[in-house]
Amino acid sequence: RYFFVIGFTEIGLLQGVAFGIFYTLAALPVGRLVDFWDRRAVIAIGAAVFSLFTVASGLSREYWQLFLSRVGVGAGEASLNPAAYSILADTYPKDRLSGALGLFTMGAFVGIGCAFIFGGAIVQWAMSTGPIALPVVGSIEPWQTAFLAVGLPGLLIAIWVTTLKEPLRRGVEASPDGHLRPPPLSSVISRIWKHKGLYIPMFAGFCAITLNGYAGTSWTAEFFKRTFDWNSAQVGLWYGLIGVMIASVLGALAGGRMADWVGRKHADAPLRVAALAMLLSWIPSATATLMPNAWLALGVLAIAQFFTTFPFPLAAAAIQLATPNQYRGQTSALYLFTINICGLGLGPLVVGVMNDHVFPAADGVRYSLALVNAITAPLAALLLWTALKPYRVARAQNDSQD
């Protein structure tokens, strides 16, 4: 058997930088594919790649192998959001798009909640059974068993995706030969620059939100373990159930529905609702990990996560509503590239580095999370608020072209 020992910084690299490298780089070519190719195929291939590299993570014997496997996982996952956003924008009317994206985003948080609940149980089971001997592979450790258990079923999901319906693209004309011709990336960037008053603060605001979200997702379990001596099963059950399955799921649904409702009077509803939600999350998110006991921390954290989940479907809705159809895939990809460089690449890593060098005590992760949340929530709200007027302009121009 092979063993390797890693610290907080290495964990942060695995959860953030390793996953984010190809998750961000693959988003650009995937976004171009989304604008002219079968979007079901894009998702199906991505799901298969994601699953295979998850299995590879479970077969890793050295840290560098695990790092490279995480890179592959990110490359596979990069296909989902640009393709799903485009499909939903062609399926639902504009006045219902935020709600539809809220439902889509809810699915992601259901998955995260199940990962905490069942993942924690799997880890406890694997730890209790010890190493397992597999044919050809040999002996695998408990942490490797968990990767195999969640990676293999994904191949069945990849097959199922191919049975879904591909909607017609609205507002896009094919070339004389019958094929779609997406604009070059330079044209997409030129359009974003033309509306830089919208896209720069909007992307920056959602960068701050994503950093906030990935820092919490990556380190909250460790916070409960190191501060309140909870085990993996306890964290998985209670945080997965209350913090994710209830608070985050309801937040995604409420954010989408509220944006649809506010949109009856305000064309900038997706950004307006996202900014207000981050302001409401500020105090709970900055104080949750400082609570004196686990149950109080969990309750305040649930309030924070309810509001910090609002912006995730609203970011997608804002881009789809302010961007012409032929630009949506690549614009969404550039958006994902930007927020994941900042959020996914830095969120887990920043907290990991702070745990090692700023708050090195056993329960120092609570202070690292509190500081990150205290800074990112109001910053995100301010940036999104500055984008409201230019968003209304871009939205009006796009509506006139449909």
Protein backbone atom coordinates (compact mmCIF):
# COMPACT_ATOMS: atom_id res chain seq x y z
CA ARG A 1 0.00 0.00 0.00
CA TYR A 2 1.08 3.57 -0.65
CA PHE A 3 0.53 6.49 1.68
CA PHE A 4 1.06 10.23 1.41
CA VAL A 5 0.48 12.93 3.98
CA ILE A 6 -0.83 16.36 3.00
CA GLY A 7 -1.50 19.58 4.90
CA PHE A 8 -4.12 22.29 4.72
CA THR A 9 -2.45 24.05 1.78
CA GLU A 10 -2.27 20.82 -0.25
CA ILE A 11 -5.95 20.16 0.49
CA GLY A 12 -6.75 23.68 -0.68
CA LEU A 13 -4.80 23.05 -3.89
CA LEU A 14 -6.75 19.85 -4.56
CA GLN A 15 -10.13 21.42 -3.91
CA GLY A 16 -9.41 24.67 -5.69
CA VAL A 17 -6.46 25.00 -8.05
CA ALA A 18 -6.31 21.39 -9.32
CA PHE A 19 -10.03 21.25 -10.04
CA GLY A 20 -10.10 24.80 -11.35
CA ILE A 21 -7.25 24.54 -13.89
CA PHE A 22 -9.15 22.68 -16.60
CA TYR A 23 -12.57 23.62 -15.29
CA THR A 24 -11.69 27.16 -16.30
CA LEU A 25 -9.59 26.44 -19.40
CA ALA A 26 -12.02 23.88 -20.83
CA ALA A 27 -14.92 26.32 -20.41
CA LEU A 28 -13.81 28.42 -23.41
CA PRO A 29 -13.79 25.70 -26.11
CA VAL A 30 -16.87 24.14 -24.51
CA GLY A 31 -18.66 27.48 -24.73
CA ARG A 32 -17.94 27.66 -28.46
CA LEU A 33 -19.26 24.12 -28.94
CA VAL A 34 -22.43 25.08 -27.09
CA ASP A 35 -23.14 27.85 -29.60
CA PHE A 36 -23.31 25.48 -32.61
CA TRP A 37 -23.16 21.79 -31.59
CA ASP A 38 -25.63 19.36 -30.00
CA ARG A 39 -25.77 20.55 -26.39
CA ARG A 40 -26.86 17.13 -25.09
CA ALA A 41 -23.67 15.60 -26.48
CA VAL A 42 -21.58 18.29 -24.78
CA ILE A 43 -23.14 17.45 -21.40
CA ALA A 44 -22.98 13.67 -21.91
CA ILE A 45 -19.29 13.66 -22.86
CA GLY A 46 -18.49 15.95 -19.94
CA ALA A 47 -20.35 13.70 -17.50
CA ALA A 48 -18.43 10.66 -18.74
CA VAL A 49 -15.06 12.43 -18.41
CA PHE A 50 -16.01 13.71 -14.94
CA SER A 51 -16.94 10.20 -13.78
CA LEU A 52 -13.86 8.48 -15.20
CA PHE A 53 -11.48 10.93 -13.56
CA THR A 54 -13.36 10.64 -10.26
CA VAL A 55 -12.65 6.91 -10.43
CA ALA A 56 -9.02 7.72 -11.29
CA SER A 57 -8.88 9.85 -8.13
CA GLY A 58 -9.78 6.74 -6.15
CA LEU A 59 -6.99 4.78 -7.79
CA SER A 60 -4.29 7.37 -7.06
CA ARG A 61 -1.24 6.18 -5.13
CA GLU A 62 0.68 9.46 -4.99
CA TYR A 63 -0.29 13.08 -4.42
CA TRP A 64 0.61 14.12 -7.97
CA GLN A 65 -1.69 11.40 -9.36
CA LEU A 66 -4.57 12.65 -7.22
CA PHE A 67 -3.81 16.24 -8.31
CA LEU A 68 -3.90 15.33 -12.02
CA SER A 69 -7.10 13.32 -11.54
CA ARG A 70 -8.74 16.36 -9.97
CA VAL A 71 -7.63 18.36 -13.02
CA GLY A 72 -9.52 15.86 -15.20
CA VAL A 73 -12.61 16.06 -13.01
CA GLY A 74 -12.67 19.80 -13.57
CA ALA A 75 -12.35 19.38 -17.33
CA GLY A 76 -15.37 17.10 -17.36
CA GLU A 77 -17.55 19.29 -15.21
CA ALA A 78 -16.84 22.37 -17.34
CA SER A 79 -19.34 21.16 -19.95
CA LEU A 80 -22.50 21.30 -17.84
CA ASN A 81 -23.28 24.92 -17.04
CA PRO A 82 -22.74 26.65 -20.44
CA ALA A 83 -24.79 23.96 -22.19
CA ALA A 84 -27.53 23.88 -19.55
CA TYR A 85 -27.86 27.67 -19.47
CA SER A 86 -28.25 27.76 -23.24
CA ILE A 87 -30.83 24.95 -23.28
CA LEU A 88 -32.93 26.58 -20.55
CA ALA A 89 -32.80 29.99 -22.25
CA ASP A 90 -34.25 28.39 -25.40
CA THR A 91 -36.87 26.43 -23.43
CA TYR A 92 -38.43 29.02 -21.07
CA PRO A 93 -39.83 32.53 -21.73
CA LYS A 94 -37.80 35.41 -20.35
CA ASP A 95 -40.22 36.19 -17.54
CA ARG A 96 -39.80 32.65 -16.18
CA LEU A 97 -36.10 32.07 -16.90
CA SER A 98 -34.80 33.04 -13.44
CA GLY A 99 -37.21 30.61 -11.80
CA ALA A 100 -36.17 27.83 -14.18
CA LEU A 101 -32.50 28.47 -13.49
CA GLY A 102 -33.28 28.51 -9.77
CA LEU A 103 -34.74 25.02 -10.13
CA PHE A 104 -31.68 23.92 -12.11
CA THR A 105 -29.33 25.36 -9.49
CA MET A 106 -31.38 23.69 -6.75
CA GLY A 107 -30.38 20.37 -8.30
CA ALA A 108 -26.72 21.20 -7.75
CA PHE A 109 -27.33 21.88 -4.07
CA VAL A 110 -29.37 18.70 -3.71
CA GLY A 111 -26.31 16.93 -5.08
CA ILE A 112 -23.99 18.73 -2.65
CA GLY A 113 -26.33 17.90 0.22
CA CYS A 114 -26.42 14.24 -0.76
CA ALA A 115 -22.63 14.31 -1.01
CA PHE A 116 -22.41 15.54 2.58
CA ILE A 117 -25.08 13.19 3.92
CA PHE A 118 -24.16 10.01 2.08
CA GLY A 119 -20.51 10.92 1.60
CA GLY A 120 -20.07 11.31 5.34
CA ALA A 121 -21.76 7.97 5.91
CA ILE A 122 -19.59 6.34 3.22
CA VAL A 123 -16.43 7.74 4.79
CA GLN A 124 -17.41 6.45 8.24
CA TRP A 125 -18.26 3.04 6.76
CA ALA A 126 -15.02 2.91 4.80
CA MET A 127 -12.99 3.91 7.84
CA SER A 128 -14.64 1.18 9.90
CA THR A 129 -14.01 -1.54 7.30
CA GLY A 130 -10.44 -0.50 6.54
CA PRO A 131 -8.57 -1.26 3.31
CA ILE A 132 -10.35 -3.28 0.62
CA ALA A 133 -8.64 -5.67 -1.82
CA LEU A 134 -9.83 -5.36 -5.43
CA PRO A 135 -8.85 -7.54 -8.42
CA VAL A 136 -6.06 -6.06 -10.54
CA VAL A 137 -6.10 -2.78 -8.56
CA GLY A 138 -4.95 -4.31 -5.29
CA SER A 139 -5.54 -2.84 -1.86
CA ILE A 140 -7.27 0.55 -1.62
CA GLU A 141 -7.64 2.82 1.40
CA PRO A 142 -10.99 4.06 2.78
CA TRP A 143 -10.68 7.49 1.13
CA GLN A 144 -10.16 5.77 -2.22
CA THR A 145 -13.28 3.65 -1.75
CA ALA A 146 -15.36 6.82 -1.43
CA PHE A 147 -14.14 8.12 -4.81
CA LEU A 148 -14.97 4.84 -6.54
CA ALA A 149 -18.45 4.72 -4.97
CA VAL A 150 -19.43 8.16 -6.35
CA GLY A 151 -17.58 8.00 -9.66
CA LEU A 152 -18.88 4.83 -11.28
CA PRO A 153 -22.65 5.71 -11.27
CA GLY A 154 -21.90 8.87 -13.24
CA LEU A 155 -21.30 6.81 -16.37
CA LEU A 156 -24.96 5.75 -16.33
CA ILE A 157 -26.01 9.41 -16.05
CA ALA A 158 -23.90 10.26 -19.11
CA ILE A 159 -25.84 7.67 -21.13
CA TRP A 160 -29.20 8.96 -19.85
CA VAL A 161 -28.42 12.56 -20.91
CA THR A 162 -28.37 11.47 -24.57
CA THR A 163 -32.10 10.65 -24.34
CA LEU A 164 -33.09 14.25 -23.48
CA LYS A 165 -34.63 16.63 -26.02
CA GLU A 166 -32.54 19.31 -27.73
CA PRO A 167 -34.65 22.51 -28.03
CA LEU A 168 -34.65 24.75 -31.09
CA ARG A 169 -32.38 27.78 -30.86
CA ARG A 170 -34.32 31.05 -30.78
CA GLY A 171 -33.13 34.21 -32.51
CA VAL A 172 -30.32 32.49 -34.46
CA GLU A 173 -30.17 32.03 -38.22
CA ALA A 174 -28.14 29.27 -39.84
CA SER A 175 -25.68 29.98 -42.65
CA PRO A 176 -26.63 29.10 -46.29
CA ASP A 177 -25.17 25.60 -45.89
CA GLY A 178 -27.55 24.98 -42.97
CA HIS A 179 -24.89 25.05 -40.24
CA LEU A 180 -24.61 27.41 -37.31
CA ARG A 181 -21.60 29.68 -37.28
CA PRO A 182 -20.84 31.04 -33.81
CA PRO A 183 -19.00 34.36 -33.70
CA PRO A 184 -15.23 34.21 -33.10
CA LEU A 185 -14.00 34.66 -29.55
CA SER A 186 -12.55 38.06 -30.52
CA SER A 187 -16.08 39.24 -31.41
CA VAL A 188 -17.42 37.98 -28.08
CA ILE A 189 -14.68 39.79 -26.17
CA SER A 190 -15.29 42.93 -28.24
CA ARG A 191 -18.97 42.88 -27.30
CA ILE A 192 -18.16 42.37 -23.63
CA TRP A 193 -15.74 45.30 -23.77
CA LYS A 194 -18.39 47.45 -25.45
CA HIS A 195 -20.58 46.80 -22.39
CA LYS A 196 -17.71 46.82 -19.90
CA GLY A 197 -19.71 48.97 -17.50
CA LEU A 198 -21.95 45.92 -17.07
CA TYR A 199 -19.69 42.92 -17.46
CA ILE A 200 -16.67 44.02 -15.39
CA PRO A 201 -18.54 44.79 -12.14
CA MET A 202 -20.99 41.93 -12.73
CA PHE A 203 -18.23 39.37 -13.26
CA ALA A 204 -16.23 40.82 -10.35
CA GLY A 205 -19.25 40.71 -8.04
CA PHE A 206 -19.97 37.09 -8.85
CA CYS A 207 -16.24 36.35 -8.41
CA ALA A 208 -16.55 37.50 -4.80
CA ILE A 209 -19.69 35.41 -4.33
CA THR A 210 -18.04 32.34 -5.82
CA LEU A 211 -14.97 32.76 -3.61
CA ASN A 212 -17.31 33.00 -0.62
CA GLY A 213 -19.21 29.89 -1.71
CA TYR A 214 -16.27 27.62 -2.50
CA ALA A 215 -14.42 28.63 0.66
CA GLY A 216 -17.45 27.56 2.69
CA THR A 217 -18.17 24.38 0.73
CA SER A 218 -14.55 23.26 1.01
CA TRP A 219 -13.92 24.04 4.68
CA THR A 220 -17.20 24.00 6.61
CA ALA A 221 -16.94 20.27 7.32
CA GLU A 222 -13.42 20.77 8.67
CA PHE A 223 -14.71 23.65 10.80
CA PHE A 224 -17.24 21.43 12.56
CA LYS A 225 -14.70 18.64 13.02
CA ARG A 226 -11.91 20.78 14.43
CA THR A 227 -14.00 23.23 16.45
CA PHE A 228 -16.75 20.98 17.85
CA ASP A 229 -15.25 17.47 17.43
CA TRP A 230 -17.98 16.28 15.07
CA ASN A 231 -17.15 13.22 12.98
CA SER A 232 -17.72 12.86 9.23
CA ALA A 233 -21.13 11.21 9.65
CA GLN A 234 -22.38 13.99 11.97
CA VAL A 235 -21.18 16.75 9.65
CA GLY A 236 -22.59 14.97 6.63
CA LEU A 237 -26.00 14.42 8.20
CA TRP A 238 -26.64 17.74 9.95
CA TYR A 239 -24.77 20.22 7.75
CA GLY A 240 -25.79 18.34 4.61
CA LEU A 241 -29.43 18.27 5.70
CA ILE A 242 -29.90 21.70 7.30
CA GLY A 243 -27.21 23.82 5.67
CA VAL A 244 -27.44 22.45 2.14
CA MET A 245 -30.55 20.33 1.50
CA ILE A 246 -32.84 22.83 3.25
CA ALA A 247 -31.19 26.28 3.35
CA SER A 248 -29.31 26.22 0.05
CA VAL A 249 -32.03 24.44 -1.90
CA LEU A 250 -34.68 26.88 -0.66
CA GLY A 251 -32.33 29.78 -1.39
CA ALA A 252 -31.84 28.73 -5.01
CA LEU A 253 -35.59 28.35 -5.51
CA ALA A 254 -36.44 31.58 -3.69
CA GLY A 255 -33.80 33.59 -5.54
CA GLY A 256 -35.09 32.53 -8.94
CA ARG A 257 -38.76 33.05 -8.04
CA MET A 258 -38.09 36.43 -6.44
CA ALA A 259 -36.18 37.64 -9.50
CA ASP A 260 -39.11 36.65 -11.74
CA TRP A 261 -41.46 38.58 -9.44
CA VAL A 262 -39.23 41.67 -9.13
CA GLY A 263 -38.71 41.49 -12.89
CA ARG A 264 -42.29 42.60 -13.46
CA LYS A 265 -41.20 46.12 -12.43
CA HIS A 266 -37.40 46.11 -12.75
CA ALA A 267 -35.53 44.93 -15.85
CA ASP A 268 -32.39 44.57 -13.72
CA ALA A 269 -34.08 42.11 -11.33
CA PRO A 270 -31.42 39.34 -11.43
CA LEU A 271 -28.62 41.68 -10.31
CA ARG A 272 -30.84 43.70 -7.96
CA VAL A 273 -32.03 40.61 -6.06
CA ALA A 274 -28.51 39.12 -5.96
CA ALA A 275 -27.03 42.32 -4.49
CA LEU A 276 -29.72 42.60 -1.80
CA ALA A 277 -29.32 38.92 -0.90
CA MET A 278 -25.58 39.34 -0.33
CA LEU A 279 -26.23 42.32 1.95
CA LEU A 280 -28.69 40.24 3.97
CA SER A 281 -26.14 37.44 4.22
CA TRP A 282 -23.33 39.66 5.49
CA ILE A 283 -23.80 39.47 9.27
CA PRO A 284 -24.85 35.79 9.44
CA SER A 285 -22.01 34.62 7.18
CA ALA A 286 -19.40 36.66 9.07
CA THR A 287 -20.48 35.40 12.50
CA ALA A 288 -21.69 31.82 11.95
CA THR A 289 -18.34 30.14 12.55
CA LEU A 290 -17.74 32.26 15.68
CA MET A 291 -20.76 30.85 17.52
CA PRO A 292 -20.06 29.13 20.89
CA ASN A 293 -21.66 25.78 20.07
CA ALA A 294 -22.22 23.61 17.03
CA TRP A 295 -26.01 23.88 16.86
CA LEU A 296 -26.05 27.66 17.06
CA ALA A 297 -23.32 27.80 14.42
CA LEU A 298 -25.35 25.49 12.20
CA GLY A 299 -28.48 27.63 12.58
CA VAL A 300 -26.75 30.92 11.75
CA LEU A 301 -24.88 29.24 8.91
CA ALA A 302 -28.18 28.03 7.45
CA ILE A 303 -29.50 31.62 7.43
CA ALA A 304 -26.34 32.79 5.69
CA GLN A 305 -26.48 30.02 3.09
CA PHE A 306 -30.12 30.71 2.32
CA PHE A 307 -29.20 34.22 1.16
CA THR A 308 -25.79 33.47 -0.40
CA THR A 309 -27.45 30.87 -2.64
CA PHE A 310 -29.77 33.44 -4.26
CA PRO A 311 -27.12 34.80 -6.68
CA PHE A 312 -26.10 31.49 -8.27
CA PRO A 313 -29.11 31.07 -10.59
CA LEU A 314 -29.39 34.84 -11.00
CA ALA A 315 -25.91 35.15 -12.48
CA ALA A 316 -26.86 32.74 -15.24
CA ALA A 317 -30.20 34.47 -15.79
CA ALA A 318 -28.57 37.91 -16.00
CA ILE A 319 -26.14 36.76 -18.69
CA GLN A 320 -28.77 34.97 -20.79
CA LEU A 321 -31.18 37.93 -20.65
CA ALA A 322 -28.56 40.55 -21.55
CA THR A 323 -26.73 38.55 -24.23
CA PRO A 324 -27.84 37.65 -27.81
CA ASN A 325 -28.35 33.92 -28.39
CA GLN A 326 -25.33 33.44 -30.65
CA TYR A 327 -23.04 34.88 -27.96
CA ARG A 328 -24.48 33.09 -24.93
CA GLY A 329 -22.36 29.95 -24.84
CA GLN A 330 -19.05 31.75 -25.13
CA THR A 331 -20.10 34.62 -22.85
CA SER A 332 -21.21 32.09 -20.23
CA ALA A 333 -17.89 30.30 -20.67
CA LEU A 334 -15.94 33.54 -20.15
CA TYR A 335 -18.06 34.24 -17.09
CA LEU A 336 -17.33 30.76 -15.69
CA PHE A 337 -13.64 31.14 -16.58
CA THR A 338 -13.47 34.40 -14.65
CA ILE A 339 -15.39 33.42 -11.53
CA ASN A 340 -13.62 30.09 -11.20
CA ILE A 341 -10.16 31.60 -11.49
CA CYS A 342 -11.12 33.82 -8.54
CA GLY A 343 -13.57 31.68 -6.63
CA LEU A 344 -12.74 28.05 -7.24
CA GLY A 345 -9.03 28.66 -7.69
CA LEU A 346 -8.57 30.94 -4.69
CA GLY A 347 -11.47 30.25 -2.28
CA PRO A 348 -10.33 26.89 -0.88
CA LEU A 349 -6.66 27.87 -1.18
CA VAL A 350 -6.97 31.21 0.64
CA VAL A 351 -8.63 29.54 3.61
CA GLY A 352 -6.06 26.72 3.57
CA VAL A 353 -3.13 29.15 3.57
CA MET A 354 -4.72 31.21 6.36
CA ASN A 355 -5.22 28.04 8.39
CA ASP A 356 -1.53 27.19 8.04
CA HIS A 357 0.02 30.64 8.48
CA VAL A 358 -2.44 33.15 10.00
CA PHE A 359 -4.69 31.08 12.29
CA PRO A 360 -2.63 27.91 12.89
CA ALA A 361 -4.51 26.81 16.04
CA ALA A 362 -6.56 23.61 15.85
CA ASP A 363 -9.79 25.59 15.47
CA GLY A 364 -8.27 28.38 13.37
CA VAL A 365 -10.42 27.50 10.38
CA ARG A 366 -13.37 29.24 12.08
CA TYR A 367 -11.56 32.59 11.97
CA SER A 368 -10.35 32.08 8.39
CA LEU A 369 -13.92 31.47 7.19
CA ALA A 370 -15.32 34.38 9.19
CA LEU A 371 -12.78 36.80 7.72
CA VAL A 372 -13.32 35.66 4.13
CA ASN A 373 -17.11 35.95 4.50
CA ALA A 374 -16.93 39.35 6.19
CA ILE A 375 -15.00 40.77 3.21
CA THR A 376 -16.65 39.08 0.23
CA ALA A 377 -20.36 39.57 1.02
CA PRO A 378 -20.48 43.42 1.11
CA LEU A 379 -17.93 43.67 -1.71
CA ALA A 380 -20.13 41.52 -3.96
CA ALA A 381 -23.23 43.56 -3.14
CA LEU A 382 -21.47 46.84 -3.97
CA LEU A 383 -20.10 45.59 -7.29
CA LEU A 384 -23.44 44.19 -8.45
CA TRP A 385 -25.25 47.38 -7.49
CA THR A 386 -22.93 49.45 -9.69
CA ALA A 387 -23.84 47.23 -12.66
CA LEU A 388 -27.60 47.86 -12.49
CA LYS A 389 -27.87 50.80 -14.90
CA PRO A 390 -25.58 49.36 -17.61
CA TYR A 391 -27.43 46.06 -17.27
CA ARG A 392 -30.74 47.76 -18.07
CA VAL A 393 -29.19 49.27 -21.21
CA ALA A 394 -27.78 45.95 -22.44
CA ARG A 395 -31.03 44.13 -21.62
CA ALA A 396 -33.09 46.66 -23.61
CA GLN A 397 -30.81 46.30 -26.62
CA ASN A 398 -31.01 42.52 -26.50
CA ASP A 399 -34.81 42.54 -26.12
CA SER A 400 -35.15 44.75 -29.19
CA GLN A 401 -33.18 42.23 -31.29
CA ASP A 402 -35.30 39.18 -30.34
